[in-house]
PDB file of N, CA and C in Angstrom:
ATOM      1  N   HIS A   1      29.691   9.353 -19.064  1.00  0.00           N
ATOM      2  CA  HIS A   1      30.524   9.444 -20.053  1.00  0.00           C
ATOM      3  C   HIS A   1      29.818   9.221 -21.719  1.00  0.00           C
ATOM      4  N   LYS A   2      28.849   8.368 -21.627  1.00  0.00           N
ATOM      5  CA  LYS A   2      28.191   8.082 -22.772  1.00  0.00           C
ATOM      6  C   LYS A   2      27.515   9.389 -23.317  1.00  0.00           C
ATOM      7  N   ILE A   3      26.964  10.048 -22.320  1.00  0.00           N
ATOM      8  CA  ILE A   3      26.259  11.326 -22.742  1.00  0.00           C
ATOM      9  C   ILE A   3      27.187  12.220 -23.375  1.00  0.00           C
ATOM     10  N   ALA A   4      28.329  12.391 -22.645  1.00  0.00           N
ATOM     11  CA  ALA A   4      29.464  13.631 -23.284  1.00  0.00           C
ATOM     12  C   ALA A   4      29.708  13.105 -24.577  1.00  0.00           C
ATOM     13  N   LEU A   5      29.968  11.716 -24.752  1.00  0.00           N
ATOM     14  CA  LEU A   5      30.458  11.480 -26.244  1.00  0.00           C
ATOM     15  C   LEU A   5      29.336  11.581 -27.222  1.00  0.00           C
ATOM     16  N   GLU A   6      28.118  11.406 -26.759  1.00  0.00           N
ATOM     17  CA  GLU A   6      26.950  11.553 -27.648  1.00  0.00           C
ATOM     18  C   GLU A   6      26.853  12.982 -28.252  1.00  0.00           C
ATOM     19  N   PHE A   7      26.940  13.907 -27.389  1.00  0.00           N
ATOM     20  CA  PHE A   7      26.684  15.222 -27.490  1.00  0.00           C
ATOM     21  C   PHE A   7      27.836  16.187 -27.878  1.00  0.00           C
ATOM     22  N   SER A   8      28.970  15.629 -28.034  1.00  0.00           N
ATOM     23  CA  SER A   8      30.337  16.233 -28.021  1.00  0.00           C
ATOM     24  C   SER A   8      31.070  15.687 -29.470  1.00  0.00           C
ATOM     25  N   ASP A   9      31.690  16.511 -30.036  1.00  0.00           N
ATOM     26  CA  ASP A   9      32.478  16.251 -31.117  1.00  0.00           C
ATOM     27  C   ASP A   9      34.055  15.939 -30.795  1.00  0.00           C
ATOM     28  N   ARG A  10      34.169  15.539 -29.493  1.00  0.00           N
ATOM     29  CA  ARG A  10      35.553  15.124 -29.119  1.00  0.00           C
ATOM     30  C   ARG A  10      35.547  13.935 -28.087  1.00  0.00           C
ATOM     31  N   GLU A  11      36.527  13.255 -27.946  1.00  0.00           N
ATOM     32  CA  GLU A  11      36.630  12.114 -26.976  1.00  0.00           C
ATOM     33  C   GLU A  11      37.125  12.859 -25.616  1.00  0.00           C
ATOM     34  N   TRP A  12      36.392  12.635 -24.592  1.00  0.00           N
ATOM     35  CA  TRP A  12      36.702  13.012 -23.221  1.00  0.00           C
ATOM     36  C   TRP A  12      37.491  11.704 -22.352  1.00  0.00           C
ATOM     37  N   LYS A  13      38.407  12.162 -21.726  1.00  0.00           N
ATOM     38  CA  LYS A  13      39.395  11.458 -21.115  1.00  0.00           C
ATOM     39  C   LYS A  13      38.748  10.986 -19.748  1.00  0.00           C
ATOM     40  N   MET A  14      38.685   9.569 -19.636  1.00  0.00           N
ATOM     41  CA  MET A  14      38.385   8.957 -18.431  1.00  0.00           C
ATOM     42  C   MET A  14      39.530   8.057 -17.826  1.00  0.00           C
ATOM     43  N   ASP A  15      39.631   8.123 -16.522  1.00  0.00           N
ATOM     44  CA  ASP A  15      40.879   7.399 -16.101  1.00  0.00           C
ATOM     45  C   ASP A  15      40.309   6.877 -14.633  1.00  0.00           C
ATOM     46  N   SER A  16      41.097   5.763 -14.121  1.00  0.00           N
ATOM     47  CA  SER A  16      40.810   5.505 -12.719  1.00  0.00           C
ATOM     48  C   SER A  16      41.820   5.888 -11.749  1.00  0.00           C
ATOM     49  N   VAL A  17      41.285   6.058 -10.673  1.00  0.00           N
ATOM     50  CA  VAL A  17      42.049   6.619  -9.352  1.00  0.00           C
ATOM     51  C   VAL A  17      42.062   5.678  -8.246  1.00  0.00           C
ATOM     52  N   GLU A  18      43.139   5.390  -7.610  1.00  0.00           N
ATOM     53  CA  GLU A  18      43.142   4.515  -6.439  1.00  0.00           C
ATOM     54  C   GLU A  18      42.395   5.065  -5.465  1.00  0.00           C
ATOM     55  N   ARG A  19      41.565   4.225  -4.651  1.00  0.00           N
ATOM     56  CA  ARG A  19      40.619   4.668  -3.805  1.00  0.00           C
ATOM     57  C   ARG A  19      41.078   5.763  -2.738  1.00  0.00           C
ATOM     58  N   HIS A  20      42.325   5.543  -2.019  1.00  0.00           N
ATOM     59  CA  HIS A  20      42.687   6.486  -1.035  1.00  0.00           C
ATOM     60  C   HIS A  20      42.862   7.796  -1.665  1.00  0.00           C
ATOM     61  N   SER A  21      43.431   7.724  -2.820  1.00  0.00           N
ATOM     62  CA  SER A  21      43.909   8.932  -3.747  1.00  0.00           C
ATOM     63  C   SER A  21      42.597   9.766  -4.131  1.00  0.00           C
ATOM     64  N   PHE A  22      41.615   9.028  -4.568  1.00  0.00           N
ATOM     65  CA  PHE A  22      40.199   9.539  -4.917  1.00  0.00           C
ATOM     66  C   PHE A  22      39.707  10.383  -3.483  1.00  0.00           C
ATOM     67  N   TYR A  23      39.729   9.751  -2.345  1.00  0.00           N
ATOM     68  CA  TYR A  23      39.490  10.355  -1.097  1.00  0.00           C
ATOM     69  C   TYR A  23      40.167  11.692  -0.829  1.00  0.00           C
ATOM     70  N   GLU A  24      41.442  11.522  -1.056  1.00  0.00           N
ATOM     71  CA  GLU A  24      42.499  12.700  -0.750  1.00  0.00           C
ATOM     72  C   GLU A  24      42.080  13.903  -1.627  1.00  0.00           C
ATOM     73  N   GLN A  25      41.810  13.641  -3.006  1.00  0.00           N
ATOM     74  CA  GLN A  25      41.334  14.751  -3.961  1.00  0.00           C
ATOM     75  C   GLN A  25      39.926  15.008  -3.781  1.00  0.00           C
ATOM     76  N   SER A  26      39.202  14.285  -3.248  1.00  0.00           N
ATOM     77  CA  SER A  26      37.652  14.731  -3.041  1.00  0.00           C
ATOM     78  C   SER A  26      37.644  15.676  -1.853  1.00  0.00           C
ATOM     79  N   ARG A  27      38.719  15.780  -1.006  1.00  0.00           N
ATOM     80  CA  ARG A  27      38.647  16.714   0.133  1.00  0.00           C
ATOM     81  C   ARG A  27      38.884  18.136  -0.307  1.00  0.00           C
ATOM     82  N   LYS A  28      39.439  18.350  -1.600  1.00  0.00           N
ATOM     83  CA  LYS A  28      39.789  19.581  -2.000  1.00  0.00           C
ATOM     84  C   LYS A  28      38.872  20.158  -3.094  1.00  0.00           C
ATOM     85  N   THR A  29      37.518  19.437  -3.077  1.00  0.00           N
ATOM     86  CA  THR A  29      36.737  19.767  -4.203  1.00  0.00           C
ATOM     87  C   THR A  29      35.900  21.171  -3.766  1.00  0.00           C
ATOM     88  N   TYR A  30      35.232  21.674  -4.930  1.00  0.00           N
ATOM     89  CA  TYR A  30      34.516  22.907  -4.648  1.00  0.00           C
ATOM     90  C   TYR A  30      32.959  22.357  -4.303  1.00  0.00           C
ATOM     91  N   ALA A  31      32.581  21.225  -5.062  1.00  0.00           N
ATOM     92  CA  ALA A  31      31.391  20.855  -4.601  1.00  0.00           C
ATOM     93  C   ALA A  31      31.093  19.225  -4.808  1.00  0.00           C
ATOM     94  N   VAL A  32      30.177  18.683  -4.168  1.00  0.00           N
ATOM     95  CA  VAL A  32      30.146  17.301  -4.189  1.00  0.00           C
ATOM     96  C   VAL A  32      28.670  17.089  -4.601  1.00  0.00           C
ATOM     97  N   ILE A  33      28.593  16.184  -5.583  1.00  0.00           N
ATOM     98  CA  ILE A  33      27.182  15.979  -6.246  1.00  0.00           C
ATOM     99  C   ILE A  33      26.852  14.496  -5.809  1.00  0.00           C
ATOM    100  N   ALA A  34      25.753  14.377  -4.980  1.00  0.00           N
ATOM    101  CA  ALA A  34      25.252  13.257  -4.560  1.00  0.00           C
ATOM    102  C   ALA A  34      24.129  12.493  -5.435  1.00  0.00           C
ATOM    103  N   THR A  35      24.251  11.342  -5.903  1.00  0.00           N
ATOM    104  CA  THR A  35      23.465  10.667  -6.800  1.00  0.00           C
ATOM    105  C   THR A  35      22.591   9.541  -6.066  1.00  0.00           C
ATOM    106  N   ALA A  36      21.891   8.846  -6.548  1.00  0.00           N
ATOM    107  CA  ALA A  36      21.208   7.604  -6.181  1.00  0.00           C
ATOM    108  C   ALA A  36      21.955   6.345  -6.548  1.00  0.00           C
ATOM    109  N   GLU A  37      23.126   6.444  -7.154  1.00  0.00           N
ATOM    110  CA  GLU A  37      23.817   5.364  -7.637  1.00  0.00           C
ATOM    111  C   GLU A  37      24.074   4.418  -6.548  1.00  0.00           C
ATOM    112  N   ARG A  38      23.978   3.117  -6.724  1.00  0.00           N
ATOM    113  CA  ARG A  38      24.217   2.118  -5.477  1.00  0.00           C
ATOM    114  C   ARG A  38      25.150   1.100  -5.872  1.00  0.00           C
ATOM    115  N   ARG A  39      25.868   1.248  -7.110  1.00  0.00           N
ATOM    116  CA  ARG A  39      26.863   0.374  -7.449  1.00  0.00           C
ATOM    117  C   ARG A  39      28.235   0.844  -6.694  1.00  0.00           C
ATOM    118  N   PRO A  40      28.887  -0.279  -6.433  1.00  0.00           N
ATOM    119  CA  PRO A  40      30.135   0.237  -5.891  1.00  0.00           C
ATOM    120  C   PRO A  40      31.037   0.835  -6.822  1.00  0.00           C
ATOM    121  N   TYR A  41      31.923   1.654  -6.612  1.00  0.00           N
ATOM    122  CA  TYR A  41      32.965   2.438  -7.546  1.00  0.00           C
ATOM    123  C   TYR A  41      32.189   3.186  -8.560  1.00  0.00           C
ATOM    124  N   GLY A  42      30.959   3.857  -8.126  1.00  0.00           N
ATOM    125  CA  GLY A  42      30.257   4.663  -9.056  1.00  0.00           C
ATOM    126  C   GLY A  42      30.558   6.001  -8.806  1.00  0.00           C
ATOM    127  N   CYS A  43      31.694   6.437  -8.275  1.00  0.00           N
ATOM    128  CA  CYS A  43      31.990   7.666  -7.988  1.00  0.00           C
ATOM    129  C   CYS A  43      32.671   8.344  -9.258  1.00  0.00           C
ATOM    130  N   PHE A  44      32.592   9.769  -9.520  1.00  0.00           N
ATOM    131  CA  PHE A  44      33.307  10.283 -10.578  1.00  0.00           C
ATOM    132  C   PHE A  44      33.800  11.791  -9.923  1.00  0.00           C
ATOM    133  N   MET A  45      34.952  12.197 -10.643  1.00  0.00           N
ATOM    134  CA  MET A  45      35.481  13.590 -10.286  1.00  0.00           C
ATOM    135  C   MET A  45      35.283  14.304 -11.737  1.00  0.00           C
ATOM    136  N   ILE A  46      34.715  15.430 -11.692  1.00  0.00           N
ATOM    137  CA  ILE A  46      34.557  16.279 -12.906  1.00  0.00           C
ATOM    138  C   ILE A  46      35.489  17.546 -12.824  1.00  0.00           C
ATOM    139  N   THR A  47      36.170  17.754 -13.710  1.00  0.00           N
ATOM    140  CA  THR A  47      37.204  18.785 -13.582  1.00  0.00           C
ATOM    141  C   THR A  47      36.471  20.274 -14.064  1.00  0.00           C
ATOM    142  N   LYS A  48      36.557  21.177 -13.234  1.00  0.00           N
ATOM    143  CA  LYS A  48      35.874  22.433 -13.515  1.00  0.00           C
ATOM    144  C   LYS A  48      36.994  23.215 -14.263  1.00  0.00           C
ATOM    145  N   GLY A  49      36.695  23.830 -15.325  1.00  0.00           N
ATOM    146  CA  GLY A  49      37.543  24.731 -15.956  1.00  0.00           C
ATOM    147  C   GLY A  49      37.080  25.355 -17.441  1.00  0.00           C
ATOM    148  N   VAL A  50      37.995  25.635 -18.029  1.00  0.00           N
ATOM    149  CA  VAL A  50      37.820  26.413 -19.318  1.00  0.00           C
ATOM    150  C   VAL A  50      38.556  25.705 -20.240  1.00  0.00           C
ATOM    151  N   ILE A  51      37.905  25.229 -21.341  1.00  0.00           N
ATOM    152  CA  ILE A  51      38.422  24.409 -22.501  1.00  0.00           C
ATOM    153  C   ILE A  51      39.083  25.356 -23.485  1.00  0.00           C
ATOM    154  N   ALA A  52      40.460  25.478 -23.582  1.00  0.00           N
ATOM    155  CA  ALA A  52      41.049  26.460 -24.509  1.00  0.00           C
ATOM    156  C   ALA A  52      40.803  25.813 -25.847  1.00  0.00           C
ATOM    157  N   PRO A  53      41.112  26.591 -27.050  1.00  0.00           N
ATOM    158  CA  PRO A  53      40.896  26.299 -28.370  1.00  0.00           C
ATOM    159  C   PRO A  53      41.754  25.014 -28.824  1.00  0.00           C
ATOM    160  N   ASP A  54      42.757  24.646 -28.126  1.00  0.00           N
ATOM    161  CA  ASP A  54      43.601  23.437 -28.467  1.00  0.00           C
ATOM    162  C   ASP A  54      42.995  22.165 -27.765  1.00  0.00           C
ATOM    163  N   GLY A  55      42.028  22.525 -26.939  1.00  0.00           N
ATOM    164  CA  GLY A  55      41.364  21.346 -26.298  1.00  0.00           C
ATOM    165  C   GLY A  55      41.791  21.012 -24.942  1.00  0.00           C
ATOM    166  N   LYS A  56      42.880  21.787 -24.454  1.00  0.00           N
ATOM    167  CA  LYS A  56      43.299  21.715 -23.011  1.00  0.00           C
ATOM    168  C   LYS A  56      42.383  22.212 -22.213  1.00  0.00           C
ATOM    169  N   VAL A  57      42.276  21.512 -20.899  1.00  0.00           N
ATOM    170  CA  VAL A  57      41.435  22.224 -19.798  1.00  0.00           C
ATOM    171  C   VAL A  57      42.201  23.065 -19.029  1.00  0.00           C
ATOM    172  N   MET A  58      42.010  24.398 -18.998  1.00  0.00           N
ATOM    173  CA  MET A  58      42.744  25.346 -18.292  1.00  0.00           C
ATOM    174  C   MET A  58      42.273  25.653 -16.940  1.00  0.00           C
TER     175      MET A  58
END
């Protein structure tokens, strides 16, 4: 998130999701990115899409 803020001229939305909801949403993903992160709750979902001129993700 810090990197996105550093290289972007806009604020990116971050939100938390209940654990079981995260699991359910992750079953419908296009891809999973595995990292070496060992901290608990270090999982992220990234929305794939096109950003419209008004800033909304399409």
